[in-house]
Amino acid sequence: MSIFNKVKKASRKLAAIDDKTKNMVLNAVADAIVANKTALLEANADDLKRMDRSNPLYDRLQLSDMRLEGIASDMRNVAALPSPLGKVILDRTLPNGLHLKRVTVPFGVIGMIYEARPNVSFDVFSLCFKSGNACLLRGGKDADCSNRAIVSLIHNVLRHNGITESAVELLPATHEATGQLLSAVGYVDLCIPRGGKNLIDFVRNTAKVPVIETGAGVVNTYFDAFGDVQMGKSIINNAKTRRVSVCNALDCLIIHQSRLTDLPALCDLLSNCNVLIYADEQAFMALNGHYPSELLRHATEESYGTEFMDYIMAIRTVPSLDDALRHIANFGSGHSECIITNNAENAAKFQSNVDAACVYWNAPVSFTDGAQFGLGAEIGISTQKLGPRGPMGLNEITTYKWLIEGHGQIREK
C-alpha cells in the first residue's frame, strides 16, 4: 500500500478520535520531547555538521535544549486549546422549513513542504492531529536526520496509544517525492509550502492539489516624522536581530527625511550584531561617521524588495507617509509591515492603506507568529488573500460542511 493511501485511510480514522484522547497524545509527545532531548539533539548535530555555520539557514536548522523545551511547551498549548471541530458557524431555518447548519470539519490530509526547520515537523503534527487532519511531511534534505528522529518519536507515542502511525508520515527528501506529493490528487486535500520565495513559487507553479502560500517575507518598518527615538531604536533592533533567518525579520527601514538626524541613534544597537546596512544617499550621509564604516554601504535598487535572511538591512529615505506607502506597495510581500509613530492619524492611515497580512503600530514585526498570537503554534503564515491570512493555527486548517435537516419537503422547481 502506498504511503499516500495509508495517510488517506489514517485521516478517516482520526475523525473518530475524541478531543480528550488527542490532548492526551499531544501531552505525551511533549513529555517525550523533553525525555528524549539527547537523541533529538544528536540527530540534529548530524544535520548541522553538513551545513556551513555562515549559512543563514543554520540558525533555523539548529535545535537546542531551550528550543526543544519551547517546542514541547507549544505542543502543550495546542492541547489546551478548544477543539476547532464541530463548531456551528451558521444555523438557520429556511421558509420551507429546511434546517441548515454549517459545521467545521478537517480537510483530511495536509501535505507540508518545508526547508531546514525541524521544529516545523512538531508544529505541523500538533496542529494537524488536534484538528483531525493526517499530515504528509516533506522536509528539506538539510534537516533529514532531525526530521526522521522527530517522526520516529511521534510514531512511538502514537503506537503506544493504539493510534495509527500514518497520522503523520515523512516522505523522502527528494525531488521525486516532492513531485508525487504535489500531484497526489485524491490523496492530499491541501498542500502548504513553508520556506523561501523559490520554494513557494515552485509549489504554486507545479502543484495539482490545492495550495496555501506561506512564508516568504519582505518586511519593512517605517519610522514616521512623529516617531519616538527610544521606542524606534528598540523595535528596529528586535525586528532585525532577534532571529535573522525567519520570515518575520526586518529587511528594510524606511525613514522620514525630517528624522535623518536621529538615524544614528535608531541604528545604534544594530552594530552590536554587525548588521550590514545598505543605505540610500541621504541615509548614508546621516550614518557616515556614526556607524562602523565596514558595515555601511551604498544601496542599489536591488537592495529593496530582498528578503535577506541575514544580518543585513536596507534603508530608504522618504519625504512623506504617502511615499512610504508607495515603497511598501512596490517592494513588500504582503507579510508584515510596521509604522513607528506617536501620530494616531498617521498610524490609522498606514494600517488602513498597507496591504499585508499583519500591520503593526509601535510594535516589532517579530510578533508575527502563531504562538505569539495565542494560536498555540502555527502551520505557516499565509501571505495570500483567498482563505486564511497571517499566522495559521487550528481554525485555519479546518473547512466546513453543510448539514441539512428536513421533514419530507420536496423541491417544486
Protein backbone atom coordinates (compact mmCIF):
# COMPACT_ATOMS: atom_id res chain seq x y z
CA MET A 1 0.00 0.00 0.00
CA SER A 2 1.42 3.39 -0.95
CA ILE A 3 2.25 5.88 1.76
CA PHE A 4 -0.37 8.24 0.30
CA ASN A 5 -3.09 5.61 0.63
CA LYS A 6 -2.03 4.85 4.22
CA VAL A 7 -2.25 8.50 5.22
CA LYS A 8 -5.61 8.91 3.49
CA LYS A 9 -7.00 5.94 5.42
CA ALA A 10 -5.50 7.32 8.64
CA SER A 11 -7.28 10.63 8.09
CA ARG A 12 -10.63 8.83 8.20
CA LYS A 13 -9.73 7.16 11.50
CA LEU A 14 -8.62 10.45 13.05
CA ALA A 15 -12.10 11.86 12.57
CA ALA A 16 -13.38 9.33 15.12
CA ILE A 17 -10.85 10.18 17.87
CA ASP A 18 -12.30 12.31 20.67
CA ASP A 19 -10.63 15.53 21.77
CA LYS A 20 -9.68 14.14 25.19
CA THR A 21 -7.63 11.39 23.56
CA LYS A 22 -6.00 13.83 21.16
CA ASN A 23 -4.97 16.09 24.03
CA MET A 24 -3.57 13.16 25.98
CA VAL A 25 -1.47 12.11 22.97
CA LEU A 26 -0.18 15.65 22.37
CA ASN A 27 0.87 15.95 26.01
CA ALA A 28 2.55 12.55 25.77
CA VAL A 29 4.53 13.75 22.72
CA ALA A 30 5.52 16.89 24.65
CA ASP A 31 6.76 14.70 27.51
CA ALA A 32 8.66 12.50 25.03
CA ILE A 33 10.39 15.55 23.53
CA VAL A 34 11.76 16.50 26.93
CA ALA A 35 12.67 12.91 27.83
CA ASN A 36 14.45 12.31 24.52
CA LYS A 37 16.31 15.60 24.14
CA THR A 38 19.67 13.89 23.86
CA ALA A 39 18.63 11.68 20.94
CA LEU A 40 16.96 14.59 19.15
CA LEU A 41 19.99 16.83 19.60
CA GLU A 42 22.33 14.08 18.38
CA ALA A 43 20.27 13.67 15.20
CA ASN A 44 20.23 17.44 14.77
CA ALA A 45 24.01 17.56 15.23
CA ASP A 46 24.38 15.16 12.28
CA ASP A 47 22.48 17.66 10.14
CA LEU A 48 24.40 20.65 11.47
CA LYS A 49 27.72 19.00 10.57
CA ARG A 50 26.74 19.16 6.91
CA MET A 51 25.89 22.88 6.93
CA ASP A 52 28.28 25.81 6.98
CA ARG A 53 27.78 27.94 10.11
CA SER A 54 27.77 31.07 7.93
CA ASN A 55 24.66 29.83 6.10
CA PRO A 56 21.63 31.90 7.22
CA LEU A 57 19.65 28.64 7.42
CA TYR A 58 21.98 27.31 10.14
CA ASP A 59 20.00 29.10 12.84
CA ARG A 60 16.72 27.69 11.50
CA LEU A 61 18.17 24.19 11.44
CA GLN A 62 19.65 24.26 14.92
CA LEU A 63 17.82 22.72 17.87
CA SER A 64 18.86 23.26 21.48
CA ASP A 65 17.67 22.34 24.97
CA MET A 66 15.83 25.65 25.18
CA ARG A 67 14.24 25.31 21.74
CA LEU A 68 13.07 21.75 22.47
CA GLU A 69 11.56 22.93 25.76
CA GLY A 70 9.78 25.67 23.79
CA ILE A 71 8.51 23.17 21.21
CA ALA A 72 7.18 20.93 23.99
CA SER A 73 5.50 23.94 25.61
CA ASP A 74 3.87 24.91 22.30
CA MET A 75 2.55 21.36 21.91
CA ARG A 76 1.00 21.51 25.37
CA ASN A 77 -0.51 24.88 24.47
CA VAL A 78 -2.12 23.32 21.39
CA ALA A 79 -3.51 20.51 23.55
CA ALA A 80 -5.06 23.08 25.89
CA LEU A 81 -6.88 24.94 23.11
CA PRO A 82 -10.55 24.24 22.35
CA SER A 83 -11.21 21.82 19.54
CA PRO A 84 -11.74 23.59 16.22
CA LEU A 85 -14.06 20.81 15.03
CA GLY A 86 -17.84 20.60 15.20
CA LYS A 87 -18.32 24.35 15.58
CA VAL A 88 -21.64 25.58 14.21
CA ILE A 89 -20.70 28.68 12.23
CA LEU A 90 -24.14 29.18 10.68
CA ASP A 91 -27.56 27.98 11.84
CA ARG A 92 -30.77 28.94 10.10
CA THR A 93 -34.18 27.62 9.09
CA LEU A 94 -35.42 28.43 5.59
CA PRO A 95 -39.02 29.49 4.87
CA ASN A 96 -39.72 25.97 3.59
CA GLY A 97 -38.73 24.51 6.96
CA LEU A 98 -35.33 23.09 5.97
CA HIS A 99 -32.89 23.49 8.84
CA LEU A 100 -29.34 24.34 7.72
CA LYS A 101 -26.18 24.18 9.77
CA ARG A 102 -22.61 24.86 8.63
CA VAL A 103 -20.18 22.90 10.79
CA THR A 104 -16.37 22.84 10.90
CA VAL A 105 -14.60 19.63 9.81
CA PRO A 106 -11.00 18.63 8.98
CA PHE A 107 -9.56 19.00 5.49
CA GLY A 108 -8.41 15.36 5.61
CA VAL A 109 -4.78 15.10 4.52
CA ILE A 110 -2.44 18.09 4.65
CA GLY A 111 0.88 17.95 2.82
CA MET A 112 3.66 20.16 4.14
CA ILE A 113 6.80 21.07 2.19
CA TYR A 114 9.43 22.96 4.16
CA GLU A 115 13.12 23.66 4.31
CA ALA A 116 15.71 23.33 7.10
CA ARG A 117 13.32 23.84 10.03
CA PRO A 118 12.88 20.65 12.09
CA ASN A 119 10.61 22.42 14.60
CA VAL A 120 8.03 22.59 11.80
CA SER A 121 7.68 18.80 11.97
CA PHE A 122 6.42 19.03 15.54
CA ASP A 123 4.27 22.12 14.91
CA VAL A 124 2.54 20.61 11.89
CA PHE A 125 1.85 17.33 13.66
CA SER A 126 0.38 19.03 16.74
CA LEU A 127 -1.94 21.29 14.76
CA CYS A 128 -2.99 18.63 12.26
CA PHE A 129 -3.59 15.96 14.91
CA LYS A 130 -5.65 18.32 17.11
CA SER A 131 -7.73 19.39 14.10
CA GLY A 132 -8.32 15.82 12.89
CA ASN A 133 -6.05 16.05 9.85
CA ALA A 134 -3.44 13.49 8.86
CA CYS A 135 -0.22 15.01 7.56
CA LEU A 136 2.43 14.18 4.99
CA LEU A 137 5.75 15.88 5.67
CA ARG A 138 8.36 16.60 3.05
CA GLY A 139 11.21 18.28 4.88
CA GLY A 140 14.44 19.57 3.40
CA LYS A 141 17.44 17.31 2.97
CA ASP A 142 19.44 19.57 5.31
CA ALA A 143 17.18 18.53 8.21
CA ASP A 144 16.56 14.91 7.22
CA CYS A 145 18.24 13.30 10.24
CA SER A 146 16.37 15.60 12.62
CA ASN A 147 13.03 15.03 10.90
CA ARG A 148 13.42 11.25 10.94
CA ALA A 149 14.19 11.29 14.66
CA ILE A 150 11.19 13.54 15.28
CA VAL A 151 8.73 11.42 13.30
CA SER A 152 10.10 8.25 14.91
CA LEU A 153 9.43 9.77 18.35
CA ILE A 154 5.86 10.71 17.35
CA HIS A 155 5.26 7.24 15.89
CA ASN A 156 6.35 5.64 19.17
CA VAL A 157 3.83 7.71 21.11
CA LEU A 158 1.03 7.02 18.62
CA ARG A 159 1.75 3.28 18.63
CA HIS A 160 1.82 3.19 22.43
CA ASN A 161 -1.65 4.78 22.46
CA GLY A 162 -3.14 2.49 19.82
CA ILE A 163 -3.36 5.17 17.12
CA THR A 164 -2.28 4.58 13.54
CA GLU A 165 1.26 5.81 12.91
CA SER A 166 0.20 7.01 9.48
CA ALA A 167 -1.47 10.00 11.10
CA VAL A 168 1.92 11.54 10.24
CA GLU A 169 4.39 10.27 7.65
CA LEU A 170 7.69 11.67 6.43
CA LEU A 171 8.43 11.50 2.73
CA PRO A 172 11.99 11.13 1.40
CA ALA A 173 13.81 14.45 0.99
CA THR A 174 13.95 14.07 -2.80
CA HIS A 175 12.62 15.97 -5.80
CA GLU A 176 10.73 12.83 -6.83
CA ALA A 177 8.84 12.76 -3.51
CA THR A 178 8.01 16.46 -3.90
CA GLY A 179 6.57 15.81 -7.34
CA GLN A 180 4.49 12.90 -6.06
CA LEU A 181 3.11 14.98 -3.20
CA LEU A 182 2.17 17.89 -5.45
CA SER A 183 0.45 15.51 -7.87
CA ALA A 184 -1.40 13.39 -5.28
CA VAL A 185 -4.91 14.34 -6.38
CA GLY A 186 -7.44 12.32 -4.41
CA TYR A 187 -5.00 11.70 -1.57
CA VAL A 188 -3.84 15.17 -0.50
CA ASP A 189 -6.54 17.73 0.24
CA LEU A 190 -4.27 20.71 0.84
CA CYS A 191 -0.57 21.46 0.42
CA ILE A 192 1.26 24.18 2.36
CA PRO A 193 4.79 25.22 1.36
CA ARG A 194 6.81 26.92 4.07
CA GLY A 195 10.10 28.46 3.07
CA GLY A 196 11.70 30.96 0.75
CA LYS A 197 10.33 32.56 -2.39
CA ASN A 198 11.84 29.98 -4.74
CA LEU A 199 10.19 27.09 -2.91
CA ILE A 200 6.81 28.79 -2.77
CA ASP A 201 6.95 29.79 -6.45
CA PHE A 202 7.86 26.21 -7.42
CA VAL A 203 4.97 24.72 -5.44
CA ARG A 204 2.47 27.26 -6.77
CA ASN A 205 3.53 26.67 -10.37
CA THR A 206 3.75 22.88 -10.10
CA ALA A 207 1.01 21.66 -7.76
CA LYS A 208 -2.09 19.87 -8.97
CA VAL A 209 -3.52 19.84 -5.43
CA PRO A 210 -4.84 22.97 -3.65
CA VAL A 211 -2.12 25.21 -2.16
CA ILE A 212 -1.99 27.87 0.53
CA GLU A 213 1.11 30.05 0.14
CA THR A 214 3.07 30.90 3.25
CA GLY A 215 6.39 32.14 4.43
CA ALA A 216 8.19 34.47 2.06
CA GLY A 217 8.50 37.81 3.80
CA VAL A 218 9.99 41.09 2.58
CA VAL A 219 9.31 43.11 5.70
CA ASN A 220 9.51 46.91 6.15
CA THR A 221 9.30 49.27 9.12
CA TYR A 222 8.53 52.96 8.62
CA PHE A 223 9.89 55.47 11.16
CA ASP A 224 7.48 58.37 10.83
CA ALA A 225 8.07 62.08 11.34
CA PHE A 226 6.36 61.64 14.72
CA GLY A 227 8.23 58.52 15.84
CA ASP A 228 9.77 58.15 19.30
CA VAL A 229 13.52 57.51 19.03
CA GLN A 230 13.95 55.27 22.07
CA MET A 231 10.92 53.19 21.12
CA GLY A 232 12.06 53.05 17.50
CA LYS A 233 15.60 52.01 18.44
CA SER A 234 14.29 49.07 20.45
CA ILE A 235 11.67 48.00 17.88
CA ILE A 236 14.10 48.14 14.94
CA ASN A 237 16.78 46.18 16.76
CA ASN A 238 14.35 43.48 17.89
CA ALA A 239 12.75 43.19 14.45
CA LYS A 240 16.14 42.87 12.73
CA THR A 241 18.33 40.89 15.12
CA ARG A 242 16.06 38.62 17.21
CA ARG A 243 16.33 35.87 14.58
CA VAL A 244 17.51 36.97 11.17
CA SER A 245 16.65 33.75 9.33
CA VAL A 246 12.91 33.81 9.96
CA CYS A 247 10.28 35.22 7.62
CA ASN A 248 9.19 37.99 10.02
CA ALA A 249 12.68 39.52 10.30
CA LEU A 250 13.02 43.16 9.23
CA ASP A 251 14.54 43.75 5.80
CA CYS A 252 14.13 47.48 5.19
CA LEU A 253 13.88 50.54 7.43
CA ILE A 254 12.01 53.42 5.80
CA ILE A 255 12.65 56.77 7.46
CA HIS A 256 11.01 60.17 7.08
CA GLN A 257 13.61 62.65 5.83
CA SER A 258 12.91 65.04 8.71
CA ARG A 259 14.23 62.40 11.13
CA LEU A 260 17.56 61.62 9.46
CA THR A 261 19.46 63.25 12.34
CA ASP A 262 18.01 60.50 14.57
CA LEU A 263 19.13 57.69 12.25
CA PRO A 264 22.46 57.04 14.06
CA ALA A 265 20.57 56.57 17.32
CA LEU A 266 17.96 54.34 15.66
CA CYS A 267 20.71 52.10 14.24
CA ASP A 268 23.00 52.21 17.25
CA LEU A 269 22.16 48.74 18.62
CA LEU A 270 22.43 47.09 15.20
CA SER A 271 26.21 47.42 15.15
CA ASN A 272 26.40 45.13 18.20
CA CYS A 273 25.28 42.32 15.90
CA ASN A 274 27.38 43.50 12.95
CA VAL A 275 24.34 44.31 10.84
CA LEU A 276 25.42 45.33 7.35
CA ILE A 277 23.42 48.36 6.17
CA TYR A 278 22.68 49.27 2.56
CA ALA A 279 21.63 52.92 2.77
CA ASP A 280 20.36 55.33 0.14
CA GLU A 281 22.36 58.54 -0.33
CA GLN A 282 20.62 60.62 2.34
CA ALA A 283 20.69 57.83 4.91
CA PHE A 284 24.33 57.05 4.05
CA MET A 285 25.33 60.64 4.72
CA ALA A 286 23.43 60.64 8.04
CA LEU A 287 25.16 57.42 9.19
CA ASN A 288 28.63 58.12 7.80
CA GLY A 289 30.98 58.60 10.74
CA HIS A 290 28.33 57.38 13.22
CA TYR A 291 28.07 53.73 12.15
CA PRO A 292 31.02 51.34 11.55
CA SER A 293 32.31 52.10 8.06
CA GLU A 294 32.92 48.43 7.28
CA LEU A 295 29.20 47.80 7.88
CA LEU A 296 27.89 50.72 5.80
CA ARG A 297 27.40 50.55 2.05
CA HIS A 298 25.52 52.41 -0.65
CA ALA A 299 22.18 50.89 -1.57
CA THR A 300 21.20 49.92 -5.09
CA GLU A 301 17.69 49.27 -6.36
CA GLU A 302 18.33 45.56 -5.72
CA SER A 303 18.71 46.35 -2.01
CA TYR A 304 14.96 46.83 -1.78
CA GLY A 305 12.44 44.03 -2.11
CA THR A 306 15.04 41.48 -0.93
CA GLU A 307 14.40 39.00 1.89
CA PHE A 308 17.91 39.00 3.33
CA MET A 309 17.57 36.23 5.96
CA ASP A 310 20.88 37.50 7.34
CA TYR A 311 22.38 40.35 9.37
CA ILE A 312 21.68 42.78 6.52
CA MET A 313 19.21 45.67 6.33
CA ALA A 314 18.36 48.28 3.72
CA ILE A 315 17.38 51.88 4.48
CA ARG A 316 15.28 54.17 2.30
CA THR A 317 14.57 57.85 2.99
CA VAL A 318 11.13 59.23 2.03
CA PRO A 319 9.66 62.75 2.14
CA SER A 320 6.19 61.68 3.30
CA LEU A 321 3.97 58.93 4.65
CA ASP A 322 2.47 58.53 1.17
CA ASP A 323 5.94 57.80 -0.22
CA ALA A 324 6.48 55.20 2.50
CA LEU A 325 3.20 53.57 1.50
CA ARG A 326 4.28 53.57 -2.15
CA HIS A 327 7.59 51.92 -1.23
CA ILE A 328 5.78 49.15 0.66
CA ALA A 329 3.30 48.67 -2.19
CA ASN A 330 6.20 48.30 -4.64
CA PHE A 331 8.58 46.18 -2.57
CA GLY A 332 6.59 44.46 0.21
CA SER A 333 5.42 40.87 0.04
CA GLY A 334 2.15 41.17 1.94
CA HIS A 335 3.61 39.56 5.07
CA SER A 336 4.17 42.07 7.91
CA GLU A 337 4.68 45.84 7.94
CA CYS A 338 5.14 48.36 10.77
CA ILE A 339 4.85 52.09 11.47
CA ILE A 340 6.57 53.76 14.42
CA THR A 341 4.74 56.98 15.24
CA ASN A 342 3.01 58.89 18.01
CA ASN A 343 0.58 60.38 15.49
CA ALA A 344 -2.65 58.38 15.66
CA GLU A 345 -3.93 59.79 12.37
CA ASN A 346 -0.80 58.66 10.51
CA ALA A 347 -0.96 55.26 12.18
CA ALA A 348 -4.60 54.83 11.15
CA LYS A 349 -3.80 55.80 7.57
CA PHE A 350 -0.85 53.38 7.49
CA GLN A 351 -2.83 50.46 8.88
CA SER A 352 -5.74 51.18 6.56
CA ASN A 353 -3.65 51.51 3.38
CA VAL A 354 -0.94 48.87 3.78
CA ASP A 355 -1.86 45.64 2.04
CA ALA A 356 -0.33 42.97 4.28
CA ALA A 357 -1.46 40.12 6.50
CA CYS A 358 -0.15 41.82 9.66
CA VAL A 359 0.18 45.60 10.05
CA TYR A 360 1.81 46.92 13.24
CA TRP A 361 1.77 50.24 15.06
CA ASN A 362 4.61 50.75 17.55
CA ALA A 363 5.42 47.04 17.91
CA PRO A 364 8.03 44.92 16.10
CA VAL A 365 7.13 42.65 13.22
CA SER A 366 8.83 39.83 15.14
CA PHE A 367 5.46 39.22 16.84
CA THR A 368 4.04 37.71 13.63
CA ASP A 369 3.96 34.18 14.97
CA GLY A 370 1.18 31.72 15.75
CA ALA A 371 2.30 31.10 19.34
CA GLN A 372 2.62 34.86 19.98
CA PHE A 373 -0.90 35.36 18.60
CA GLY A 374 -2.27 32.77 21.05
CA LEU A 375 -2.76 30.07 18.41
CA GLY A 376 -0.60 27.54 20.28
CA ALA A 377 1.67 27.07 17.28
CA GLU A 378 1.48 27.82 13.59
CA ILE A 379 1.47 25.75 10.46
CA GLY A 380 2.63 28.78 8.48
CA ILE A 381 1.98 32.46 7.81
CA SER A 382 -0.26 32.94 4.82
CA THR A 383 0.51 35.90 2.56
CA GLN A 384 -2.38 35.27 0.20
CA LYS A 385 -5.89 36.69 0.42
CA LEU A 386 -8.08 33.75 -0.59
CA GLY A 387 -8.71 31.73 2.55
CA PRO A 388 -6.50 32.14 5.64
CA ARG A 389 -4.28 35.18 6.00
CA GLY A 390 -1.47 35.71 8.51
CA PRO A 391 -0.46 33.12 11.15
CA MET A 392 -2.39 29.90 10.60
CA GLY A 393 -3.46 27.87 13.62
CA LEU A 394 -6.13 25.27 14.28
CA ASN A 395 -9.11 27.14 12.85
CA GLU A 396 -7.29 27.91 9.61
CA ILE A 397 -6.75 24.21 8.79
CA THR A 398 -10.39 23.25 9.02
CA THR A 399 -13.07 23.56 6.40
CA TYR A 400 -16.82 23.09 6.79
CA LYS A 401 -19.75 21.10 5.53
CA TRP A 402 -23.48 21.81 5.40
CA LEU A 403 -25.89 19.69 7.45
CA ILE A 404 -29.47 19.90 6.19
CA GLU A 405 -32.45 18.51 8.09
CA GLY A 406 -35.89 18.26 6.58
CA HIS A 407 -39.23 16.63 7.25
CA GLY A 408 -40.24 15.43 3.83
CA GLN A 409 -40.00 18.68 1.81
CA ILE A 410 -39.59 18.35 -1.94
CA ARG A 411 -38.28 20.95 -4.37
CA GLU A 412 -41.07 22.21 -6.61
CA LYS A 413 -38.97 23.99 -9.24
